Structure formats: C-alpha cells, structure tokens
Amino acid sequence: MGTIYDFLDDVRLRPNMYVRGSSVLHLQSILYGYSVACEIHGVPAQTDFDHLGPFSEWLWPRLNMPYSSSLGWAVEIERAAEAAGIPSLTMFFDLWDEFRAERDDAA
C-alpha cells in the first residue's frame, strides 16, 4: 500500500480485518493515526480527512448541514447511516466515491 487511498481500497475489500465493528469512528481514528505518523516521519500527509479538510467541507452540504459539525465527519456519517438504516461503513464508502469522482471531474 503506497497511499491512504490504497489503504482505503483494501479496507473496502476487507472491512472486518481493519475496522472494529465496521465503525466509521474507528476508521476515522485509523486515518488520524496515519496522518500523525506521516507528520512524525516528515512524510507529506493526505489531509482529506482532517476535521476541516476537503472531505468534511464537501460532506456538510451533502448531508444537508449548513455548518461544520464540531463532532466531526465520522459521527455525522454514523448518524446519517443510522437514520437511513444502512451500515455506516457502506455510507462512508458511497460518500467517499462521490467525493473522489467530483474532485476528479473538477481536476
């Protein structure tokens, strides 16, 4: 795995191997740990998943939220998935796919 995107592709294939209870909150913790490790080792980190990063900024209007949630993107995805009656990790990857597709189209 060369990038965080490669890691997420692997998580999608084997979620139970990486994410306890298929919780988006646990996935967020892993992504935060990855970012910290990059910072410690002087490697440019992918900041898409920072609290106020590009994914969060894209997500708020997508979830019909006019503001940035102080609880973070993972909590809001968990809430939206519960309300929709779908697994939160499934919702995360659906949203992640939309985010990447829109970003790729813009580039």
PDB file of N, CA and C in Angstrom:
ATOM      1  N   MET A   1       0.834  -1.179   0.000  1.00  0.00           N
ATOM      2  CA  MET A   1       0.000   0.000   0.000  1.00  0.00           C
ATOM      3  C   MET A   1       0.875   1.238   0.000  1.00  0.00           C
ATOM      4  N   GLY A   2       0.689   2.052  -1.016  1.00  0.00           N
ATOM      5  CA  GLY A   2       1.519   3.230  -1.139  1.00  0.00           C
ATOM      6  C   GLY A   2       0.896   4.503  -0.593  1.00  0.00           C
ATOM      7  N   THR A   3      -0.436   4.594  -0.610  1.00  0.00           N
ATOM      8  CA  THR A   3      -1.101   5.817  -0.178  1.00  0.00           C
ATOM      9  C   THR A   3      -2.282   5.476   0.726  1.00  0.00           C
ATOM     10  N   ILE A   4      -2.846   6.511   1.300  1.00  0.00           N
ATOM     11  CA  ILE A   4      -4.036   6.314   2.118  1.00  0.00           C
ATOM     12  C   ILE A   4      -5.192   5.816   1.258  1.00  0.00           C
ATOM     13  N   TYR A   5      -5.192   6.194  -0.005  1.00  0.00           N
ATOM     14  CA  TYR A   5      -6.240   5.731  -0.921  1.00  0.00           C
ATOM     15  C   TYR A   5      -6.127   4.226  -1.153  1.00  0.00           C
ATOM     16  N   ASP A   6      -4.895   3.737  -1.268  1.00  0.00           N
ATOM     17  CA  ASP A   6      -4.685   2.289  -1.402  1.00  0.00           C
ATOM     18  C   ASP A   6      -5.182   1.571  -0.145  1.00  0.00           C
ATOM     19  N   PHE A   7      -4.891   2.158   0.992  1.00  0.00           N
ATOM     20  CA  PHE A   7      -5.346   1.576   2.249  1.00  0.00           C
ATOM     21  C   PHE A   7      -6.870   1.502   2.289  1.00  0.00           C
ATOM     22  N   LEU A   8      -7.532   2.590   1.918  1.00  0.00           N
ATOM     23  CA  LEU A   8      -9.000   2.602   1.933  1.00  0.00           C
ATOM     24  C   LEU A   8      -9.586   1.592   0.949  1.00  0.00           C
ATOM     25  N   ASP A   9      -8.927   1.404  -0.181  1.00  0.00           N
ATOM     26  CA  ASP A   9      -9.381   0.378  -1.125  1.00  0.00           C
ATOM     27  C   ASP A   9      -9.301  -1.006  -0.487  1.00  0.00           C
ATOM     28  N   ASP A  10      -8.255  -1.240   0.283  1.00  0.00           N
ATOM     29  CA  ASP A  10      -8.109  -2.524   0.972  1.00  0.00           C
ATOM     30  C   ASP A  10      -9.140  -2.676   2.093  1.00  0.00           C
ATOM     31  N   VAL A  11      -9.409  -1.593   2.816  1.00  0.00           N
ATOM     32  CA  VAL A  11     -10.428  -1.620   3.869  1.00  0.00           C
ATOM     33  C   VAL A  11     -11.781  -1.967   3.258  1.00  0.00           C
ATOM     34  N   ARG A  12     -12.068  -1.397   2.109  1.00  0.00           N
ATOM     35  CA  ARG A  12     -13.341  -1.668   1.448  1.00  0.00           C
ATOM     36  C   ARG A  12     -13.492  -3.167   1.148  1.00  0.00           C
ATOM     37  N   LEU A  13     -12.394  -3.791   0.753  1.00  0.00           N
ATOM     38  CA  LEU A  13     -12.434  -5.223   0.427  1.00  0.00           C
ATOM     39  C   LEU A  13     -12.536  -6.102   1.666  1.00  0.00           C
ATOM     40  N   ARG A  14     -11.886  -5.694   2.761  1.00  0.00           N
ATOM     41  CA  ARG A  14     -11.849  -6.488   3.993  1.00  0.00           C
ATOM     42  C   ARG A  14     -12.106  -5.617   5.213  1.00  0.00           C
ATOM     43  N   PRO A  15     -13.307  -5.058   5.330  1.00  0.00           N
ATOM     44  CA  PRO A  15     -13.547  -4.101   6.425  1.00  0.00           C
ATOM     45  C   PRO A  15     -13.362  -4.695   7.813  1.00  0.00           C
ATOM     46  N   ASN A  16     -13.767  -5.927   8.017  1.00  0.00           N
ATOM     47  CA  ASN A  16     -13.659  -6.515   9.361  1.00  0.00           C
ATOM     48  C   ASN A  16     -12.221  -6.775   9.775  1.00  0.00           C
ATOM     49  N   MET A  17     -11.330  -6.844   8.820  1.00  0.00           N
ATOM     50  CA  MET A  17      -9.917  -7.044   9.130  1.00  0.00           C
ATOM     51  C   MET A  17      -9.292  -5.762   9.694  1.00  0.00           C
ATOM     52  N   TYR A  18      -9.803  -4.618   9.291  1.00  0.00           N
ATOM     53  CA  TYR A  18      -9.198  -3.343   9.667  1.00  0.00           C
ATOM     54  C   TYR A  18      -9.998  -2.536  10.682  1.00  0.00           C
ATOM     55  N   VAL A  19     -11.319  -2.577  10.561  1.00  0.00           N
ATOM     56  CA  VAL A  19     -12.158  -1.650  11.317  1.00  0.00           C
ATOM     57  C   VAL A  19     -13.058  -2.421  12.272  1.00  0.00           C
ATOM     58  N   ARG A  20     -12.778  -2.283  13.545  1.00  0.00           N
ATOM     59  CA  ARG A  20     -13.553  -2.987  14.573  1.00  0.00           C
ATOM     60  C   ARG A  20     -15.026  -2.581  14.495  1.00  0.00           C
ATOM     61  N   GLY A  21     -15.880  -3.564  14.400  1.00  0.00           N
ATOM     62  CA  GLY A  21     -17.311  -3.315  14.384  1.00  0.00           C
ATOM     63  C   GLY A  21     -17.803  -2.551  13.173  1.00  0.00           C
ATOM     64  N   SER A  22     -16.994  -2.465  12.135  1.00  0.00           N
ATOM     65  CA  SER A  22     -17.342  -1.692  10.929  1.00  0.00           C
ATOM     66  C   SER A  22     -17.754  -0.268  11.271  1.00  0.00           C
ATOM     67  N   SER A  23     -17.112   0.300  12.267  1.00  0.00           N
ATOM     68  CA  SER A  23     -17.431   1.637  12.746  1.00  0.00           C
ATOM     69  C   SER A  23     -16.629   2.700  12.004  1.00  0.00           C
ATOM     70  N   VAL A  24     -17.337   3.694  11.493  1.00  0.00           N
ATOM     71  CA  VAL A  24     -16.657   4.803  10.838  1.00  0.00           C
ATOM     72  C   VAL A  24     -15.829   5.587  11.850  1.00  0.00           C
ATOM     73  N   LEU A  25     -16.254   5.601  13.105  1.00  0.00           N
ATOM     74  CA  LEU A  25     -15.461   6.260  14.146  1.00  0.00           C
ATOM     75  C   LEU A  25     -14.093   5.593  14.301  1.00  0.00           C
ATOM     76  N   HIS A  26     -14.058   4.282  14.232  1.00  0.00           N
ATOM     77  CA  HIS A  26     -12.780   3.574  14.317  1.00  0.00           C
ATOM     78  C   HIS A  26     -11.937   3.831  13.073  1.00  0.00           C
ATOM     79  N   LEU A  27     -12.587   3.897  11.921  1.00  0.00           N
ATOM     80  CA  LEU A  27     -11.855   4.224  10.689  1.00  0.00           C
ATOM     81  C   LEU A  27     -11.264   5.620  10.789  1.00  0.00           C
ATOM     82  N   GLN A  28     -12.008   6.565  11.313  1.00  0.00           N
ATOM     83  CA  GLN A  28     -11.501   7.920  11.480  1.00  0.00           C
ATOM     84  C   GLN A  28     -10.262   7.922  12.381  1.00  0.00           C
ATOM     85  N   SER A  29     -10.274   7.118  13.424  1.00  0.00           N
ATOM     86  CA  SER A  29      -9.111   7.021  14.311  1.00  0.00           C
ATOM     87  C   SER A  29      -7.893   6.486  13.570  1.00  0.00           C
ATOM     88  N   ILE A  30      -8.106   5.499  12.728  1.00  0.00           N
ATOM     89  CA  ILE A  30      -7.001   4.949  11.939  1.00  0.00           C
ATOM     90  C   ILE A  30      -6.439   6.013  11.008  1.00  0.00           C
ATOM     91  N   LEU A  31      -7.318   6.749  10.343  1.00  0.00           N
ATOM     92  CA  LEU A  31      -6.877   7.784   9.406  1.00  0.00           C
ATOM     93  C   LEU A  31      -6.152   8.908  10.136  1.00  0.00           C
ATOM     94  N   TYR A  32      -6.609   9.239  11.334  1.00  0.00           N
ATOM     95  CA  TYR A  32      -5.924  10.248  12.137  1.00  0.00           C
ATOM     96  C   TYR A  32      -4.526   9.745  12.527  1.00  0.00           C
ATOM     97  N   GLY A  33      -4.436   8.495  12.944  1.00  0.00           N
ATOM     98  CA  GLY A  33      -3.145   7.910  13.291  1.00  0.00           C
ATOM     99  C   GLY A  33      -2.189   7.908  12.116  1.00  0.00           C
ATOM    100  N   TYR A  34      -2.703   7.630  10.941  1.00  0.00           N
ATOM    101  CA  TYR A  34      -1.886   7.662   9.720  1.00  0.00           C
ATOM    102  C   TYR A  34      -1.325   9.069   9.509  1.00  0.00           C
ATOM    103  N   SER A  35      -2.186  10.072   9.669  1.00  0.00           N
ATOM    104  CA  SER A  35      -1.765  11.450   9.480  1.00  0.00           C
ATOM    105  C   SER A  35      -0.682  11.847  10.490  1.00  0.00           C
ATOM    106  N   VAL A  36      -0.862  11.448  11.735  1.00  0.00           N
ATOM    107  CA  VAL A  36       0.131  11.752  12.774  1.00  0.00           C
ATOM    108  C   VAL A  36       1.453  11.057  12.468  1.00  0.00           C
ATOM    109  N   ALA A  37       1.398   9.801  12.053  1.00  0.00           N
ATOM    110  CA  ALA A  37       2.623   9.066  11.725  1.00  0.00           C
ATOM    111  C   ALA A  37       3.369   9.739  10.569  1.00  0.00           C
ATOM    112  N   CYS A  38       2.631  10.195   9.571  1.00  0.00           N
ATOM    113  CA  CYS A  38       3.266  10.905   8.462  1.00  0.00           C
ATOM    114  C   CYS A  38       3.961  12.167   8.959  1.00  0.00           C
ATOM    115  N   GLU A  39       3.275  12.902   9.812  1.00  0.00           N
ATOM    116  CA  GLU A  39       3.835  14.137  10.346  1.00  0.00           C
ATOM    117  C   GLU A  39       5.110  13.860  11.150  1.00  0.00           C
ATOM    118  N   ILE A  40       5.083  12.834  11.975  1.00  0.00           N
ATOM    119  CA  ILE A  40       6.240  12.488  12.802  1.00  0.00           C
ATOM    120  C   ILE A  40       7.444  12.125  11.939  1.00  0.00           C
ATOM    121  N   HIS A  41       7.193  11.427  10.839  1.00  0.00           N
ATOM    122  CA  HIS A  41       8.278  10.947   9.985  1.00  0.00           C
ATOM    123  C   HIS A  41       8.596  11.880   8.827  1.00  0.00           C
ATOM    124  N   GLY A  42       7.985  13.050   8.802  1.00  0.00           N
ATOM    125  CA  GLY A  42       8.295  14.031   7.780  1.00  0.00           C
ATOM    126  C   GLY A  42       7.791  13.673   6.391  1.00  0.00           C
ATOM    127  N   VAL A  43       6.770  12.858   6.333  1.00  0.00           N
ATOM    128  CA  VAL A  43       6.182  12.462   5.058  1.00  0.00           C
ATOM    129  C   VAL A  43       4.959  13.335   4.810  1.00  0.00           C
ATOM    130  N   PRO A  44       4.810  13.865   3.595  1.00  0.00           N
ATOM    131  CA  PRO A  44       3.601  14.660   3.330  1.00  0.00           C
ATOM    132  C   PRO A  44       2.344  13.811   3.556  1.00  0.00           C
ATOM    133  N   ALA A  45       1.483  14.288   4.418  1.00  0.00           N
ATOM    134  CA  ALA A  45       0.276  13.541   4.770  1.00  0.00           C
ATOM    135  C   ALA A  45      -0.885  13.954   3.877  1.00  0.00           C
ATOM    136  N   GLN A  46      -1.770  13.032   3.627  1.00  0.00           N
ATOM    137  CA  GLN A  46      -3.009  13.313   2.924  1.00  0.00           C
ATOM    138  C   GLN A  46      -3.961  13.948   3.929  1.00  0.00           C
ATOM    139  N   THR A  47      -4.448  15.127   3.638  1.00  0.00           N
ATOM    140  CA  THR A  47      -5.259  15.863   4.609  1.00  0.00           C
ATOM    141  C   THR A  47      -6.753  15.838   4.293  1.00  0.00           C
ATOM    142  N   ASP A  48      -7.171  14.989   3.384  1.00  0.00           N
ATOM    143  CA  ASP A  48      -8.595  14.926   3.026  1.00  0.00           C
ATOM    144  C   ASP A  48      -9.481  14.698   4.241  1.00  0.00           C
ATOM    145  N   PHE A  49      -8.996  13.968   5.238  1.00  0.00           N
ATOM    146  CA  PHE A  49      -9.836  13.563   6.357  1.00  0.00           C
ATOM    147  C   PHE A  49      -9.621  14.378   7.621  1.00  0.00           C
ATOM    148  N   ASP A  50      -8.879  15.474   7.525  1.00  0.00           N
ATOM    149  CA  ASP A  50      -8.745  16.363   8.675  1.00  0.00           C
ATOM    150  C   ASP A  50     -10.118  16.887   9.059  1.00  0.00           C
ATOM    151  N   HIS A  51     -10.229  17.347  10.297  1.00  0.00           N
ATOM    152  CA  HIS A  51     -11.529  17.808  10.795  1.00  0.00           C
ATOM    153  C   HIS A  51     -12.165  18.850   9.870  1.00  0.00           C
ATOM    154  N   LEU A  52     -11.382  19.774   9.385  1.00  0.00           N
ATOM    155  CA  LEU A  52     -11.884  20.787   8.455  1.00  0.00           C
ATOM    156  C   LEU A  52     -11.253  20.617   7.071  1.00  0.00           C
ATOM    157  N   GLY A  53     -10.937  19.385   6.744  1.00  0.00           N
ATOM    158  CA  GLY A  53     -10.319  19.094   5.456  1.00  0.00           C
ATOM    159  C   GLY A  53     -11.321  19.058   4.314  1.00  0.00           C
ATOM    160  N   PRO A  54     -10.832  18.785   3.125  1.00  0.00           N
ATOM    161  CA  PRO A  54     -11.690  18.798   1.936  1.00  0.00           C
ATOM    162  C   PRO A  54     -12.895  17.864   2.012  1.00  0.00           C
ATOM    163  N   PHE A  55     -12.718  16.670   2.572  1.00  0.00           N
ATOM    164  CA  PHE A  55     -13.842  15.736   2.654  1.00  0.00           C
ATOM    165  C   PHE A  55     -14.930  16.294   3.569  1.00  0.00           C
ATOM    166  N   SER A  56     -14.536  16.847   4.707  1.00  0.00           N
ATOM    167  CA  SER A  56     -15.505  17.440   5.639  1.00  0.00           C
ATOM    168  C   SER A  56     -16.256  18.595   4.992  1.00  0.00           C
ATOM    169  N   GLU A  57     -15.510  19.484   4.353  1.00  0.00           N
ATOM    170  CA  GLU A  57     -16.134  20.647   3.723  1.00  0.00           C
ATOM    171  C   GLU A  57     -17.121  20.222   2.639  1.00  0.00           C
ATOM    172  N   TRP A  58     -16.803  19.171   1.917  1.00  0.00           N
ATOM    173  CA  TRP A  58     -17.701  18.644   0.884  1.00  0.00           C
ATOM    174  C   TRP A  58     -18.906  17.956   1.526  1.00  0.00           C
ATOM    175  N   LEU A  59     -18.671  17.293   2.646  1.00  0.00           N
ATOM    176  CA  LEU A  59     -19.693  16.454   3.266  1.00  0.00           C
ATOM    177  C   LEU A  59     -20.851  17.238   3.872  1.00  0.00           C
ATOM    178  N   TRP A  60     -20.554  18.367   4.513  1.00  0.00           N
ATOM    179  CA  TRP A  60     -21.615  19.078   5.246  1.00  0.00           C
ATOM    180  C   TRP A  60     -22.812  19.403   4.361  1.00  0.00           C
ATOM    181  N   PRO A  61     -22.635  20.033   3.223  1.00  0.00           N
ATOM    182  CA  PRO A  61     -23.821  20.285   2.388  1.00  0.00           C
ATOM    183  C   PRO A  61     -24.442  18.987   1.851  1.00  0.00           C
ATOM    184  N   ARG A  62     -23.627  17.980   1.627  1.00  0.00           N
ATOM    185  CA  ARG A  62     -24.136  16.699   1.129  1.00  0.00           C
ATOM    186  C   ARG A  62     -25.084  16.062   2.144  1.00  0.00           C
ATOM    187  N   LEU A  63     -24.821  16.266   3.435  1.00  0.00           N
ATOM    188  CA  LEU A  63     -25.685  15.749   4.496  1.00  0.00           C
ATOM    189  C   LEU A  63     -26.717  16.788   4.928  1.00  0.00           C
ATOM    190  N   ASN A  64     -26.867  17.839   4.116  1.00  0.00           N
ATOM    191  CA  ASN A  64     -27.813  18.927   4.400  1.00  0.00           C
ATOM    192  C   ASN A  64     -27.518  19.627   5.712  1.00  0.00           C
ATOM    193  N   MET A  65     -26.230  19.827   5.977  1.00  0.00           N
ATOM    194  CA  MET A  65     -25.809  20.536   7.179  1.00  0.00           C
ATOM    195  C   MET A  65     -25.183  21.859   6.734  1.00  0.00           C
ATOM    196  N   PRO A  66     -25.712  22.976   7.188  1.00  0.00           N
ATOM    197  CA  PRO A  66     -25.189  24.273   6.745  1.00  0.00           C
ATOM    198  C   PRO A  66     -23.882  24.679   7.440  1.00  0.00           C
ATOM    199  N   TYR A  67     -23.363  23.821   8.313  1.00  0.00           N
ATOM    200  CA  TYR A  67     -22.194  24.181   9.108  1.00  0.00           C
ATOM    201  C   TYR A  67     -21.294  22.963   9.305  1.00  0.00           C
ATOM    202  N   SER A  68     -20.109  23.234   9.766  1.00  0.00           N
ATOM    203  CA  SER A  68     -19.166  22.176  10.087  1.00  0.00           C
ATOM    204  C   SER A  68     -19.485  21.628  11.472  1.00  0.00           C
ATOM    205  N   SER A  69     -19.713  20.349  11.566  1.00  0.00           N
ATOM    206  CA  SER A  69     -20.048  19.733  12.845  1.00  0.00           C
ATOM    207  C   SER A  69     -18.823  19.685  13.749  1.00  0.00           C
ATOM    208  N   SER A  70     -19.011  20.092  14.983  1.00  0.00           N
ATOM    209  CA  SER A  70     -17.909  20.027  15.948  1.00  0.00           C
ATOM    210  C   SER A  70     -17.606  18.576  16.326  1.00  0.00           C
ATOM    211  N   LEU A  71     -18.530  17.670  16.039  1.00  0.00           N
ATOM    212  CA  LEU A  71     -18.328  16.262  16.362  1.00  0.00           C
ATOM    213  C   LEU A  71     -17.507  15.533  15.304  1.00  0.00           C
ATOM    214  N   GLY A  72     -17.401  16.106  14.129  1.00  0.00           N
ATOM    215  CA  GLY A  72     -16.589  15.518  13.075  1.00  0.00           C
ATOM    216  C   GLY A  72     -17.395  14.711  12.071  1.00  0.00           C
ATOM    217  N   TRP A  73     -16.733  14.426  10.965  1.00  0.00           N
ATOM    218  CA  TRP A  73     -17.405  13.765   9.844  1.00  0.00           C
ATOM    219  C   TRP A  73     -17.831  12.347  10.173  1.00  0.00           C
ATOM    220  N   ALA A  74     -17.066  11.622  10.966  1.00  0.00           N
ATOM    221  CA  ALA A  74     -17.403  10.226  11.256  1.00  0.00           C
ATOM    222  C   ALA A  74     -18.705  10.126  12.053  1.00  0.00           C
ATOM    223  N   VAL A  75     -18.870  10.978  13.050  1.00  0.00           N
ATOM    224  CA  VAL A  75     -20.091  10.961  13.857  1.00  0.00           C
ATOM    225  C   VAL A  75     -21.301  11.277  12.979  1.00  0.00           C
ATOM    226  N   GLU A  76     -21.151  12.257  12.112  1.00  0.00           N
ATOM    227  CA  GLU A  76     -22.278  12.658  11.267  1.00  0.00           C
ATOM    228  C   GLU A  76     -22.625  11.575  10.248  1.00  0.00           C
ATOM    229  N   ILE A  77     -21.641  10.872   9.746  1.00  0.00           N
ATOM    230  CA  ILE A  77     -21.936   9.748   8.843  1.00  0.00           C
ATOM    231  C   ILE A  77     -22.621   8.634   9.616  1.00  0.00           C
ATOM    232  N   GLU A  78     -22.149   8.356  10.828  1.00  0.00           N
ATOM    233  CA  GLU A  78     -22.802   7.329  11.655  1.00  0.00           C
ATOM    234  C   GLU A  78     -24.274   7.688  11.889  1.00  0.00           C
ATOM    235  N   ARG A  79     -24.538   8.939  12.207  1.00  0.00           N
ATOM    236  CA  ARG A  79     -25.921   9.382  12.447  1.00  0.00           C
ATOM    237  C   ARG A  79     -26.775   9.254  11.185  1.00  0.00           C
ATOM    238  N   ALA A  80     -26.234   9.716  10.067  1.00  0.00           N
ATOM    239  CA  ALA A  80     -26.995   9.671   8.811  1.00  0.00           C
ATOM    240  C   ALA A  80     -27.255   8.235   8.383  1.00  0.00           C
ATOM    241  N   ALA A  81     -26.280   7.362   8.569  1.00  0.00           N
ATOM    242  CA  ALA A  81     -26.449   5.958   8.200  1.00  0.00           C
ATOM    243  C   ALA A  81     -27.501   5.292   9.077  1.00  0.00           C
ATOM    244  N   GLU A  82     -27.477   5.603  10.366  1.00  0.00           N
ATOM    245  CA  GLU A  82     -28.483   5.035  11.264  1.00  0.00           C
ATOM    246  C   GLU A  82     -29.884   5.493  10.861  1.00  0.00           C
ATOM    247  N   ALA A  83     -30.017   6.773  10.534  1.00  0.00           N
ATOM    248  CA  ALA A  83     -31.317   7.301  10.119  1.00  0.00           C
ATOM    249  C   ALA A  83     -31.792   6.666   8.807  1.00  0.00           C
ATOM    250  N   ALA A  84     -30.828   6.354   7.926  1.00  0.00           N
ATOM    251  CA  ALA A  84     -31.170   5.750   6.631  1.00  0.00           C
ATOM    252  C   ALA A  84     -31.310   4.236   6.719  1.00  0.00           C
ATOM    253  N   GLY A  85     -30.884   3.669   7.836  1.00  0.00           N
ATOM    254  CA  GLY A  85     -30.975   2.220   8.011  1.00  0.00           C
ATOM    255  C   GLY A  85     -29.978   1.424   7.193  1.00  0.00           C
ATOM    256  N   ILE A  86     -28.789   2.022   6.977  1.00  0.00           N
ATOM    257  CA  ILE A  86     -27.735   1.311   6.247  1.00  0.00           C
ATOM    258  C   ILE A  86     -26.468   1.299   7.091  1.00  0.00           C
ATOM    259  N   PRO A  87     -25.572   0.350   6.832  1.00  0.00           N
ATOM    260  CA  PRO A  87     -24.317   0.318   7.591  1.00  0.00           C
ATOM    261  C   PRO A  87     -23.501   1.594   7.360  1.00  0.00           C
ATOM    262  N   SER A  88     -22.933   2.104   8.419  1.00  0.00           N
ATOM    263  CA  SER A  88     -22.197   3.367   8.321  1.00  0.00           C
ATOM    264  C   SER A  88     -20.975   3.264   7.415  1.00  0.00           C
ATOM    265  N   LEU A  89     -20.306   2.129   7.418  1.00  0.00           N
ATOM    266  CA  LEU A  89     -19.136   1.978   6.560  1.00  0.00           C
ATOM    267  C   LEU A  89     -19.543   1.972   5.088  1.00  0.00           C
ATOM    268  N   THR A  90     -20.703   1.397   4.803  1.00  0.00           N
ATOM    269  CA  THR A  90     -21.228   1.428   3.430  1.00  0.00           C
ATOM    270  C   THR A  90     -21.494   2.867   3.015  1.00  0.00           C
ATOM    271  N   MET A  91     -22.120   3.638   3.908  1.00  0.00           N
ATOM    272  CA  MET A  91     -22.385   5.045   3.597  1.00  0.00           C
ATOM    273  C   MET A  91     -21.084   5.809   3.414  1.00  0.00           C
ATOM    274  N   PHE A  92     -20.106   5.545   4.268  1.00  0.00           N
ATOM    275  CA  PHE A  92     -18.821   6.233   4.132  1.00  0.00           C
ATOM    276  C   PHE A  92     -18.233   5.992   2.744  1.00  0.00           C
ATOM    277  N   PHE A  93     -18.178   4.737   2.316  1.00  0.00           N
ATOM    278  CA  PHE A  93     -17.563   4.455   1.022  1.00  0.00           C
ATOM    279  C   PHE A  93     -18.386   5.002  -0.137  1.00  0.00           C
ATOM    280  N   ASP A  94     -19.696   5.039  -0.019  1.00  0.00           N
ATOM    281  CA  ASP A  94     -20.522   5.670  -1.053  1.00  0.00           C
ATOM    282  C   ASP A  94     -20.208   7.162  -1.145  1.00  0.00           C
ATOM    283  N   LEU A  95     -20.122   7.819   0.017  1.00  0.00           N
ATOM    284  CA  LEU A  95     -19.789   9.240   0.047  1.00  0.00           C
ATOM    285  C   LEU A  95     -18.364   9.490  -0.436  1.00  0.00           C
ATOM    286  N   TRP A  96     -17.458   8.648  -0.033  1.00  0.00           N
ATOM    287  CA  TRP A  96     -16.056   8.775  -0.445  1.00  0.00           C
ATOM    288  C   TRP A  96     -15.940   8.659  -1.967  1.00  0.00           C
ATOM    289  N   ASP A  97     -16.678   7.719  -2.555  1.00  0.00           N
ATOM    290  CA  ASP A  97     -16.674   7.564  -4.015  1.00  0.00           C
ATOM    291  C   ASP A  97     -17.201   8.820  -4.706  1.00  0.00           C
ATOM    292  N   GLU A  98     -18.290   9.378  -4.173  1.00  0.00           N
ATOM    293  CA  GLU A  98     -18.848  10.610  -4.738  1.00  0.00           C
ATOM    294  C   GLU A  98     -17.850  11.759  -4.635  1.00  0.00           C
ATOM    295  N   PHE A  99     -17.230  11.893  -3.473  1.00  0.00           N
ATOM    296  CA  PHE A  99     -16.244  12.953  -3.252  1.00  0.00           C
ATOM    297  C   PHE A  99     -15.095  12.837  -4.244  1.00  0.00           C
ATOM    298  N   ARG A 100     -14.557  11.655  -4.385  1.00  0.00           N
ATOM    299  CA  ARG A 100     -13.433  11.458  -5.305  1.00  0.00           C
ATOM    300  C   ARG A 100     -13.842  11.702  -6.744  1.00  0.00           C
ATOM    301  N   ALA A 101     -15.035  11.256  -7.130  1.00  0.00           N
ATOM    302  CA  ALA A 101     -15.491  11.456  -8.504  1.00  0.00           C
ATOM    303  C   ALA A 101     -15.654  12.946  -8.806  1.00  0.00           C
ATOM    304  N   GLU A 102     -16.237  13.696  -7.883  1.00  0.00           N
ATOM    305  CA  GLU A 102     -16.405  15.128  -8.088  1.00  0.00           C
ATOM    306  C   GLU A 102     -15.064  15.845  -8.125  1.00  0.00           C
ATOM    307  N   ARG A 103     -14.159  15.442  -7.265  1.00  0.00           N
ATOM    308  CA  ARG A 103     -12.829  16.065  -7.242  1.00  0.00           C
ATOM    309  C   ARG A 103     -12.059  15.747  -8.516  1.00  0.00           C
ATOM    310  N   ASP A 104     -12.183  14.499  -8.994  1.00  0.00           N
ATOM    311  CA  ASP A 104     -11.506  14.117 -10.240  1.00  0.00           C
ATOM    312  C   ASP A 104     -12.095  14.853 -11.433  1.00  0.00           C
ATOM    313  N   ASP A 105     -13.417  15.057 -11.430  1.00  0.00           N
ATOM    314  CA  ASP A 105     -14.058  15.806 -12.518  1.00  0.00           C
ATOM    315  C   ASP A 105     -13.617  17.246 -12.529  1.00  0.00           C
ATOM    316  N   ALA A 106     -13.423  17.824 -11.346  1.00  0.00           N
ATOM    317  CA  ALA A 106     -13.008  19.221 -11.245  1.00  0.00           C
ATOM    318  C   ALA A 106     -11.571  19.409 -11.700  1.00  0.00           C
ATOM    319  N   ALA A 107     -10.763  18.370 -11.560  1.00  0.00           N
ATOM    320  CA  ALA A 107      -9.333  18.481 -11.929  1.00  0.00           C
ATOM    321  C   ALA A 107      -9.152  18.274 -13.377  1.00  0.00           C
TER     322      ALA A 107
END
